PDB file of N, CA and C in Angstrom:
ATOM      1  N   MET A   1     -25.871  -6.215 -39.336  1.00  0.00           N
ATOM      2  CA  MET A   1     -26.710  -7.366 -39.123  1.00  0.00           C
ATOM      3  C   MET A   1     -27.517  -7.052 -37.894  1.00  0.00           C
ATOM      4  N   SER A   2     -28.741  -7.353 -37.951  1.00  0.00           N
ATOM      5  CA  SER A   2     -29.670  -7.013 -36.887  1.00  0.00           C
ATOM      6  C   SER A   2     -29.877  -8.131 -35.694  1.00  0.00           C
ATOM      7  N   LEU A   3     -30.292  -7.822 -34.763  1.00  0.00           N
ATOM      8  CA  LEU A   3     -30.480  -8.831 -33.611  1.00  0.00           C
ATOM      9  C   LEU A   3     -31.844  -9.537 -33.681  1.00  0.00           C
ATOM     10  N   THR A   4     -31.870 -10.748 -33.495  1.00  0.00           N
ATOM     11  CA  THR A   4     -33.286 -11.383 -33.229  1.00  0.00           C
ATOM     12  C   THR A   4     -33.893 -10.833 -32.076  1.00  0.00           C
ATOM     13  N   LYS A   5     -35.361 -11.254 -32.096  1.00  0.00           N
ATOM     14  CA  LYS A   5     -36.105 -10.713 -30.936  1.00  0.00           C
ATOM     15  C   LYS A   5     -35.531 -11.170 -29.635  1.00  0.00           C
ATOM     16  N   ARG A   6     -35.208 -12.444 -29.565  1.00  0.00           N
ATOM     17  CA  ARG A   6     -34.703 -12.989 -28.279  1.00  0.00           C
ATOM     18  C   ARG A   6     -33.300 -12.347 -27.834  1.00  0.00           C
ATOM     19  N   GLU A   7     -32.451 -12.119 -28.807  1.00  0.00           N
ATOM     20  CA  GLU A   7     -31.157 -11.415 -28.559  1.00  0.00           C
ATOM     21  C   GLU A   7     -31.544 -10.090 -28.020  1.00  0.00           C
ATOM     22  N   SER A   8     -32.516  -9.361 -28.586  1.00  0.00           N
ATOM     23  CA  SER A   8     -32.765  -8.097 -28.080  1.00  0.00           C
ATOM     24  C   SER A   8     -33.206  -8.035 -26.636  1.00  0.00           C
ATOM     25  N   GLU A   9     -34.165  -9.181 -26.360  1.00  0.00           N
ATOM     26  CA  GLU A   9     -34.693  -9.252 -24.961  1.00  0.00           C
ATOM     27  C   GLU A   9     -33.571  -9.492 -23.903  1.00  0.00           C
ATOM     28  N   VAL A  10     -32.703 -10.389 -24.330  1.00  0.00           N
ATOM     29  CA  VAL A  10     -31.586 -10.701 -23.473  1.00  0.00           C
ATOM     30  C   VAL A  10     -30.757  -9.466 -23.182  1.00  0.00           C
ATOM     31  N   LEU A  11     -30.528  -8.644 -24.276  1.00  0.00           N
ATOM     32  CA  LEU A  11     -29.760  -7.552 -24.175  1.00  0.00           C
ATOM     33  C   LEU A  11     -30.455  -6.439 -23.269  1.00  0.00           C
ATOM     34  N   LEU A  12     -31.788  -6.369 -23.551  1.00  0.00           N
ATOM     35  CA  LEU A  12     -32.675  -5.405 -22.586  1.00  0.00           C
ATOM     36  C   LEU A  12     -32.325  -5.627 -21.233  1.00  0.00           C
ATOM     37  N   TRP A  13     -32.383  -6.979 -20.769  1.00  0.00           N
ATOM     38  CA  TRP A  13     -32.245  -7.376 -19.322  1.00  0.00           C
ATOM     39  C   TRP A  13     -30.852  -7.048 -19.000  1.00  0.00           C
ATOM     40  N   CYS A  14     -29.875  -7.244 -19.880  1.00  0.00           N
ATOM     41  CA  CYS A  14     -28.576  -6.966 -19.450  1.00  0.00           C
ATOM     42  C   CYS A  14     -28.488  -5.471 -19.040  1.00  0.00           C
ATOM     43  N   GLY A  15     -29.039  -4.608 -19.918  1.00  0.00           N
ATOM     44  CA  GLY A  15     -29.152  -3.239 -19.659  1.00  0.00           C
ATOM     45  C   GLY A  15     -29.762  -2.787 -18.313  1.00  0.00           C
ATOM     46  N   ARG A  16     -30.497  -3.750 -17.752  1.00  0.00           N
ATOM     47  CA  ARG A  16     -31.197  -3.480 -16.385  1.00  0.00           C
ATOM     48  C   ARG A  16     -30.432  -4.324 -15.230  1.00  0.00           C
ATOM     49  N   GLY A  17     -29.341  -4.501 -15.591  1.00  0.00           N
ATOM     50  CA  GLY A  17     -28.284  -5.129 -14.623  1.00  0.00           C
ATOM     51  C   GLY A  17     -28.511  -6.503 -14.209  1.00  0.00           C
ATOM     52  N   LYS A  18     -29.346  -7.277 -15.053  1.00  0.00           N
ATOM     53  CA  LYS A  18     -29.645  -8.717 -14.792  1.00  0.00           C
ATOM     54  C   LYS A  18     -28.450  -9.496 -14.982  1.00  0.00           C
ATOM     55  N   SER A  19     -28.281 -10.543 -14.248  1.00  0.00           N
ATOM     56  CA  SER A  19     -27.371 -11.842 -14.414  1.00  0.00           C
ATOM     57  C   SER A  19     -27.873 -12.712 -15.536  1.00  0.00           C
ATOM     58  N   ASN A  20     -27.003 -13.426 -16.185  1.00  0.00           N
ATOM     59  CA  ASN A  20     -27.466 -14.501 -17.077  1.00  0.00           C
ATOM     60  C   ASN A  20     -28.559 -15.413 -16.514  1.00  0.00           C
ATOM     61  N   TRP A  21     -28.269 -15.722 -15.160  1.00  0.00           N
ATOM     62  CA  TRP A  21     -29.188 -16.529 -14.406  1.00  0.00           C
ATOM     63  C   TRP A  21     -30.351 -15.827 -14.425  1.00  0.00           C
ATOM     64  N   GLU A  22     -30.417 -14.592 -13.984  1.00  0.00           N
ATOM     65  CA  GLU A  22     -31.898 -13.781 -13.722  1.00  0.00           C
ATOM     66  C   GLU A  22     -32.482 -13.634 -15.168  1.00  0.00           C
ATOM     67  N   ILE A  23     -31.754 -13.443 -16.265  1.00  0.00           N
ATOM     68  CA  ILE A  23     -32.291 -13.374 -17.469  1.00  0.00           C
ATOM     69  C   ILE A  23     -32.977 -14.652 -17.788  1.00  0.00           C
ATOM     70  N   GLY A  24     -32.386 -15.719 -17.643  1.00  0.00           N
ATOM     71  CA  GLY A  24     -32.854 -16.965 -17.922  1.00  0.00           C
ATOM     72  C   GLY A  24     -34.204 -17.269 -17.287  1.00  0.00           C
ATOM     73  N   LYS A  25     -34.341 -16.915 -15.865  1.00  0.00           N
ATOM     74  CA  LYS A  25     -35.532 -17.056 -15.178  1.00  0.00           C
ATOM     75  C   LYS A  25     -36.647 -16.105 -15.732  1.00  0.00           C
ATOM     76  N   ILE A  26     -36.305 -14.905 -16.059  1.00  0.00           N
ATOM     77  CA  ILE A  26     -37.205 -13.941 -16.551  1.00  0.00           C
ATOM     78  C   ILE A  26     -37.832 -14.408 -17.839  1.00  0.00           C
ATOM     79  N   LEU A  27     -36.896 -14.910 -18.874  1.00  0.00           N
ATOM     80  CA  LEU A  27     -37.322 -15.212 -20.220  1.00  0.00           C
ATOM     81  C   LEU A  27     -37.716 -16.681 -20.307  1.00  0.00           C
ATOM     82  N   SER A  28     -37.749 -17.441 -19.160  1.00  0.00           N
ATOM     83  CA  SER A  28     -38.033 -18.926 -19.022  1.00  0.00           C
ATOM     84  C   SER A  28     -37.135 -19.754 -20.131  1.00  0.00           C
ATOM     85  N   ILE A  29     -35.819 -19.375 -20.003  1.00  0.00           N
ATOM     86  CA  ILE A  29     -34.781 -20.120 -20.775  1.00  0.00           C
ATOM     87  C   ILE A  29     -33.623 -20.466 -19.573  1.00  0.00           C
ATOM     88  N   SER A  30     -32.680 -21.286 -20.155  1.00  0.00           N
ATOM     89  CA  SER A  30     -31.585 -21.645 -19.192  1.00  0.00           C
ATOM     90  C   SER A  30     -30.655 -20.426 -19.041  1.00  0.00           C
ATOM     91  N   GLU A  31     -29.882 -20.551 -18.037  1.00  0.00           N
ATOM     92  CA  GLU A  31     -28.739 -19.621 -18.132  1.00  0.00           C
ATOM     93  C   GLU A  31     -27.763 -19.762 -19.137  1.00  0.00           C
ATOM     94  N   HIS A  32     -27.779 -20.923 -19.561  1.00  0.00           N
ATOM     95  CA  HIS A  32     -26.754 -21.216 -20.786  1.00  0.00           C
ATOM     96  C   HIS A  32     -27.385 -20.623 -21.991  1.00  0.00           C
ATOM     97  N   GLY A  33     -28.788 -20.639 -22.217  1.00  0.00           N
ATOM     98  CA  GLY A  33     -29.349 -20.032 -23.318  1.00  0.00           C
ATOM     99  C   GLY A  33     -29.230 -18.514 -23.230  1.00  0.00           C
ATOM    100  N   ALA A  34     -29.143 -17.950 -22.106  1.00  0.00           N
ATOM    101  CA  ALA A  34     -29.065 -16.366 -22.015  1.00  0.00           C
ATOM    102  C   ALA A  34     -27.651 -16.232 -22.507  1.00  0.00           C
ATOM    103  N   GLU A  35     -26.758 -17.060 -22.145  1.00  0.00           N
ATOM    104  CA  GLU A  35     -25.231 -16.855 -22.319  1.00  0.00           C
ATOM    105  C   GLU A  35     -25.112 -17.034 -23.871  1.00  0.00           C
ATOM    106  N   PHE A  36     -25.667 -17.928 -24.496  1.00  0.00           N
ATOM    107  CA  PHE A  36     -25.624 -18.207 -25.848  1.00  0.00           C
ATOM    108  C   PHE A  36     -26.031 -16.933 -26.731  1.00  0.00           C
ATOM    109  N   HIS A  37     -27.286 -16.609 -26.320  1.00  0.00           N
ATOM    110  CA  HIS A  37     -27.797 -15.378 -27.072  1.00  0.00           C
ATOM    111  C   HIS A  37     -26.914 -14.260 -26.845  1.00  0.00           C
ATOM    112  N   LEU A  38     -26.395 -13.872 -25.721  1.00  0.00           N
ATOM    113  CA  LEU A  38     -25.511 -12.755 -25.499  1.00  0.00           C
ATOM    114  C   LEU A  38     -24.167 -12.859 -26.282  1.00  0.00           C
ATOM    115  N   ARG A  39     -23.607 -14.054 -26.379  1.00  0.00           N
ATOM    116  CA  ARG A  39     -22.454 -14.329 -27.151  1.00  0.00           C
ATOM    117  C   ARG A  39     -22.809 -13.823 -28.533  1.00  0.00           C
ATOM    118  N   ASN A  40     -23.996 -14.306 -29.183  1.00  0.00           N
ATOM    119  CA  ASN A  40     -24.436 -13.947 -30.447  1.00  0.00           C
ATOM    120  C   ASN A  40     -24.397 -12.472 -30.735  1.00  0.00           C
ATOM    121  N   VAL A  41     -24.995 -11.716 -29.576  1.00  0.00           N
ATOM    122  CA  VAL A  41     -24.934 -10.260 -29.690  1.00  0.00           C
ATOM    123  C   VAL A  41     -23.592  -9.620 -29.742  1.00  0.00           C
ATOM    124  N   PHE A  42     -22.688 -10.257 -29.068  1.00  0.00           N
ATOM    125  CA  PHE A  42     -21.439  -9.589 -28.876  1.00  0.00           C
ATOM    126  C   PHE A  42     -20.696  -9.881 -30.235  1.00  0.00           C
ATOM    127  N   LYS A  43     -20.928 -10.963 -30.976  1.00  0.00           N
ATOM    128  CA  LYS A  43     -20.404 -11.144 -32.431  1.00  0.00           C
ATOM    129  C   LYS A  43     -20.974 -10.033 -33.384  1.00  0.00           C
ATOM    130  N   LYS A  44     -22.263  -9.884 -33.246  1.00  0.00           N
ATOM    131  CA  LYS A  44     -22.980  -9.087 -34.079  1.00  0.00           C
ATOM    132  C   LYS A  44     -22.681  -7.663 -33.893  1.00  0.00           C
ATOM    133  N   LEU A  45     -22.418  -7.254 -32.715  1.00  0.00           N
ATOM    134  CA  LEU A  45     -22.182  -5.765 -32.351  1.00  0.00           C
ATOM    135  C   LEU A  45     -20.679  -5.566 -32.316  1.00  0.00           C
ATOM    136  N   GLU A  46     -19.895  -6.565 -32.439  1.00  0.00           N
ATOM    137  CA  GLU A  46     -18.433  -6.512 -32.425  1.00  0.00           C
ATOM    138  C   GLU A  46     -17.982  -5.938 -31.254  1.00  0.00           C
ATOM    139  N   THR A  47     -18.294  -6.529 -30.097  1.00  0.00           N
ATOM    140  CA  THR A  47     -17.883  -6.048 -28.738  1.00  0.00           C
ATOM    141  C   THR A  47     -17.722  -7.310 -27.819  1.00  0.00           C
ATOM    142  N   HIS A  48     -17.144  -7.082 -26.657  1.00  0.00           N
ATOM    143  CA  HIS A  48     -17.056  -8.224 -25.777  1.00  0.00           C
ATOM    144  C   HIS A  48     -17.502  -7.629 -24.333  1.00  0.00           C
ATOM    145  N   SER A  49     -18.210  -6.431 -24.393  1.00  0.00           N
ATOM    146  CA  SER A  49     -18.707  -5.772 -23.111  1.00  0.00           C
ATOM    147  C   SER A  49     -20.096  -5.637 -23.084  1.00  0.00           C
ATOM    148  N   ARG A  50     -20.708  -6.118 -22.184  1.00  0.00           N
ATOM    149  CA  ARG A  50     -22.206  -6.015 -21.878  1.00  0.00           C
ATOM    150  C   ARG A  50     -22.656  -4.526 -22.066  1.00  0.00           C
ATOM    151  N   VAL A  51     -21.811  -3.664 -21.269  1.00  0.00           N
ATOM    152  CA  VAL A  51     -22.162  -2.176 -21.422  1.00  0.00           C
ATOM    153  C   VAL A  51     -22.269  -1.709 -22.702  1.00  0.00           C
ATOM    154  N   VAL A  52     -21.104  -1.978 -23.584  1.00  0.00           N
ATOM    155  CA  VAL A  52     -21.102  -1.463 -24.893  1.00  0.00           C
ATOM    156  C   VAL A  52     -22.074  -1.931 -25.754  1.00  0.00           C
ATOM    157  N   ALA A  53     -22.400  -3.335 -25.611  1.00  0.00           N
ATOM    158  CA  ALA A  53     -23.349  -3.848 -26.524  1.00  0.00           C
ATOM    159  C   ALA A  53     -24.763  -3.216 -26.241  1.00  0.00           C
ATOM    160  N   VAL A  54     -25.059  -2.958 -25.003  1.00  0.00           N
ATOM    161  CA  VAL A  54     -26.428  -2.436 -24.540  1.00  0.00           C
ATOM    162  C   VAL A  54     -26.619  -1.093 -25.121  1.00  0.00           C
ATOM    163  N   ARG A  55     -25.442  -0.228 -24.914  1.00  0.00           N
ATOM    164  CA  ARG A  55     -25.541   1.189 -25.537  1.00  0.00           C
ATOM    165  C   ARG A  55     -25.592   1.059 -26.985  1.00  0.00           C
ATOM    166  N   LYS A  56     -24.894   0.330 -27.712  1.00  0.00           N
ATOM    167  CA  LYS A  56     -24.917   0.214 -29.148  1.00  0.00           C
ATOM    168  C   LYS A  56     -26.206  -0.124 -29.531  1.00  0.00           C
ATOM    169  N   ASP A  57     -27.001  -1.024 -28.976  1.00  0.00           N
ATOM    170  CA  ASP A  57     -28.279  -1.385 -29.323  1.00  0.00           C
ATOM    171  C   ASP A  57     -29.307  -0.463 -28.984  1.00  0.00           C
ATOM    172  N   GLU A  58     -29.122   0.368 -27.845  1.00  0.00           N
ATOM    173  CA  GLU A  58     -30.096   1.247 -27.493  1.00  0.00           C
ATOM    174  C   GLU A  58     -30.036   2.546 -28.509  1.00  0.00           C
ATOM    175  N   LEU A  59     -28.928   2.710 -28.998  1.00  0.00           N
ATOM    176  CA  LEU A  59     -28.821   3.840 -29.954  1.00  0.00           C
ATOM    177  C   LEU A  59     -29.360   3.478 -31.318  1.00  0.00           C
ATOM    178  N   SER A  60     -29.379   2.142 -31.565  1.00  0.00           N
ATOM    179  CA  SER A  60     -29.871   1.817 -32.900  1.00  0.00           C
ATOM    180  C   SER A  60     -31.295   1.502 -33.123  1.00  0.00           C
ATOM    181  N   SER A  61     -31.835   1.103 -31.820  1.00  0.00           N
ATOM    182  CA  SER A  61     -33.297   0.725 -31.871  1.00  0.00           C
ATOM    183  C   SER A  61     -34.039   1.251 -30.404  1.00  0.00           C
ATOM    184  N   PRO A  62     -34.156   2.593 -30.211  1.00  0.00           N
ATOM    185  CA  PRO A  62     -34.646   2.881 -28.990  1.00  0.00           C
ATOM    186  C   PRO A  62     -36.273   2.554 -28.743  1.00  0.00           C
ATOM    187  N   LEU A  63     -36.787   2.437 -29.785  1.00  0.00           N
ATOM    188  CA  LEU A  63     -38.275   2.047 -29.745  1.00  0.00           C
ATOM    189  C   LEU A  63     -38.536   0.671 -29.081  1.00  0.00           C
ATOM    190  N   PHE A  64     -37.608  -0.130 -29.423  1.00  0.00           N
ATOM    191  CA  PHE A  64     -37.725  -1.400 -28.941  1.00  0.00           C
ATOM    192  C   PHE A  64     -37.753  -1.511 -27.450  1.00  0.00           C
ATOM    193  N   TYR A  65     -36.889  -0.725 -26.836  1.00  0.00           N
ATOM    194  CA  TYR A  65     -36.786  -0.742 -25.368  1.00  0.00           C
ATOM    195  C   TYR A  65     -37.920  -0.177 -24.782  1.00  0.00           C
ATOM    196  N   MET A  66     -38.604   0.887 -25.336  1.00  0.00           N
ATOM    197  CA  MET A  66     -39.882   1.437 -24.870  1.00  0.00           C
ATOM    198  C   MET A  66     -41.017   0.417 -25.044  1.00  0.00           C
ATOM    199  N   GLU A  67     -41.103  -0.342 -26.017  1.00  0.00           N
ATOM    200  CA  GLU A  67     -42.146  -1.332 -26.264  1.00  0.00           C
ATOM    201  C   GLU A  67     -41.917  -2.472 -25.122  1.00  0.00           C
ATOM    202  N   CYS A  68     -40.734  -2.896 -25.040  1.00  0.00           N
ATOM    203  CA  CYS A  68     -40.519  -3.999 -23.853  1.00  0.00           C
ATOM    204  C   CYS A  68     -40.999  -3.513 -22.554  1.00  0.00           C
ATOM    205  N   VAL A  69     -40.736  -2.354 -22.143  1.00  0.00           N
ATOM    206  CA  VAL A  69     -41.162  -1.749 -20.851  1.00  0.00           C
ATOM    207  C   VAL A  69     -42.652  -1.928 -20.648  1.00  0.00           C
ATOM    208  N   GLU A  70     -43.339  -1.600 -21.762  1.00  0.00           N
ATOM    209  CA  GLU A  70     -44.905  -1.692 -21.743  1.00  0.00           C
ATOM    210  C   GLU A  70     -45.258  -3.157 -21.757  1.00  0.00           C
ATOM    211  N   GLU A  71     -44.552  -4.078 -22.365  1.00  0.00           N
ATOM    212  CA  GLU A  71     -45.004  -5.443 -22.444  1.00  0.00           C
ATOM    213  C   GLU A  71     -44.838  -6.220 -21.029  1.00  0.00           C
ATOM    214  N   ARG A  72     -43.773  -5.845 -20.423  1.00  0.00           N
ATOM    215  CA  ARG A  72     -43.486  -6.629 -19.218  1.00  0.00           C
ATOM    216  C   ARG A  72     -43.407  -5.584 -18.019  1.00  0.00           C
ATOM    217  N   PRO A  73     -44.479  -5.174 -17.500  1.00  0.00           N
ATOM    218  CA  PRO A  73     -44.410  -4.188 -16.452  1.00  0.00           C
ATOM    219  C   PRO A  73     -43.960  -4.885 -15.190  1.00  0.00           C
ATOM    220  N   SER A  74     -44.231  -6.148 -14.887  1.00  0.00           N
ATOM    221  CA  SER A  74     -43.831  -6.802 -13.578  1.00  0.00           C
ATOM    222  C   SER A  74     -42.759  -7.769 -13.874  1.00  0.00           C
ATOM    223  N   SER A  75     -41.657  -7.261 -13.967  1.00  0.00           N
ATOM    224  CA  SER A  75     -40.505  -8.086 -14.427  1.00  0.00           C
ATOM    225  C   SER A  75     -39.595  -8.560 -13.172  1.00  0.00           C
ATOM    226  N   ARG A  76     -40.059  -8.407 -12.010  1.00  0.00           N
ATOM    227  CA  ARG A  76     -39.392  -8.738 -10.837  1.00  0.00           C
ATOM    228  C   ARG A  76     -39.509 -10.189 -10.555  1.00  0.00           C
ATOM    229  N   ILE A  77     -38.347 -10.939 -10.273  1.00  0.00           N
ATOM    230  CA  ILE A  77     -38.395 -12.198  -9.852  1.00  0.00           C
ATOM    231  C   ILE A  77     -37.896 -12.476  -8.461  1.00  0.00           C
ATOM    232  N   TRP A  78     -38.437 -13.353  -7.673  1.00  0.00           N
ATOM    233  CA  TRP A  78     -38.103 -13.551  -6.449  1.00  0.00           C
ATOM    234  C   TRP A  78     -36.657 -14.418  -6.341  1.00  0.00           C
ATOM    235  N   LEU A  79     -35.750 -13.946  -5.669  1.00  0.00           N
ATOM    236  CA  LEU A  79     -34.415 -14.500  -5.642  1.00  0.00           C
ATOM    237  C   LEU A  79     -34.084 -15.191  -4.256  1.00  0.00           C
ATOM    238  N   GLY A  80     -35.178 -15.138  -3.367  1.00  0.00           N
ATOM    239  CA  GLY A  80     -34.955 -15.737  -1.952  1.00  0.00           C
ATOM    240  C   GLY A  80     -34.969 -17.302  -2.057  1.00  0.00           C
ATOM    241  N   SER A  81     -34.632 -17.715  -0.824  1.00  0.00           N
ATOM    242  CA  SER A  81     -34.499 -19.250  -0.751  1.00  0.00           C
ATOM    243  C   SER A  81     -35.958 -19.864  -0.328  1.00  0.00           C
TER     244      SER A  81
END
């Protein structure tokens, strides 16, 4: 079963060490929305680990990761108060 574009985006940011809250801010979705997509990823990839999910997806679609890096070069968010 393949991942949706949004699920892949959430997983991409997981692979970059972002929390669900940070992913939500980057993708303009709620923290709960990021968690929802991540749960779907876990079901589809048959894992409960963010690290394992990221690695499985990288191995199955490495070109997606390269394209996302080019599409979103300035992905930094300000986390200050």
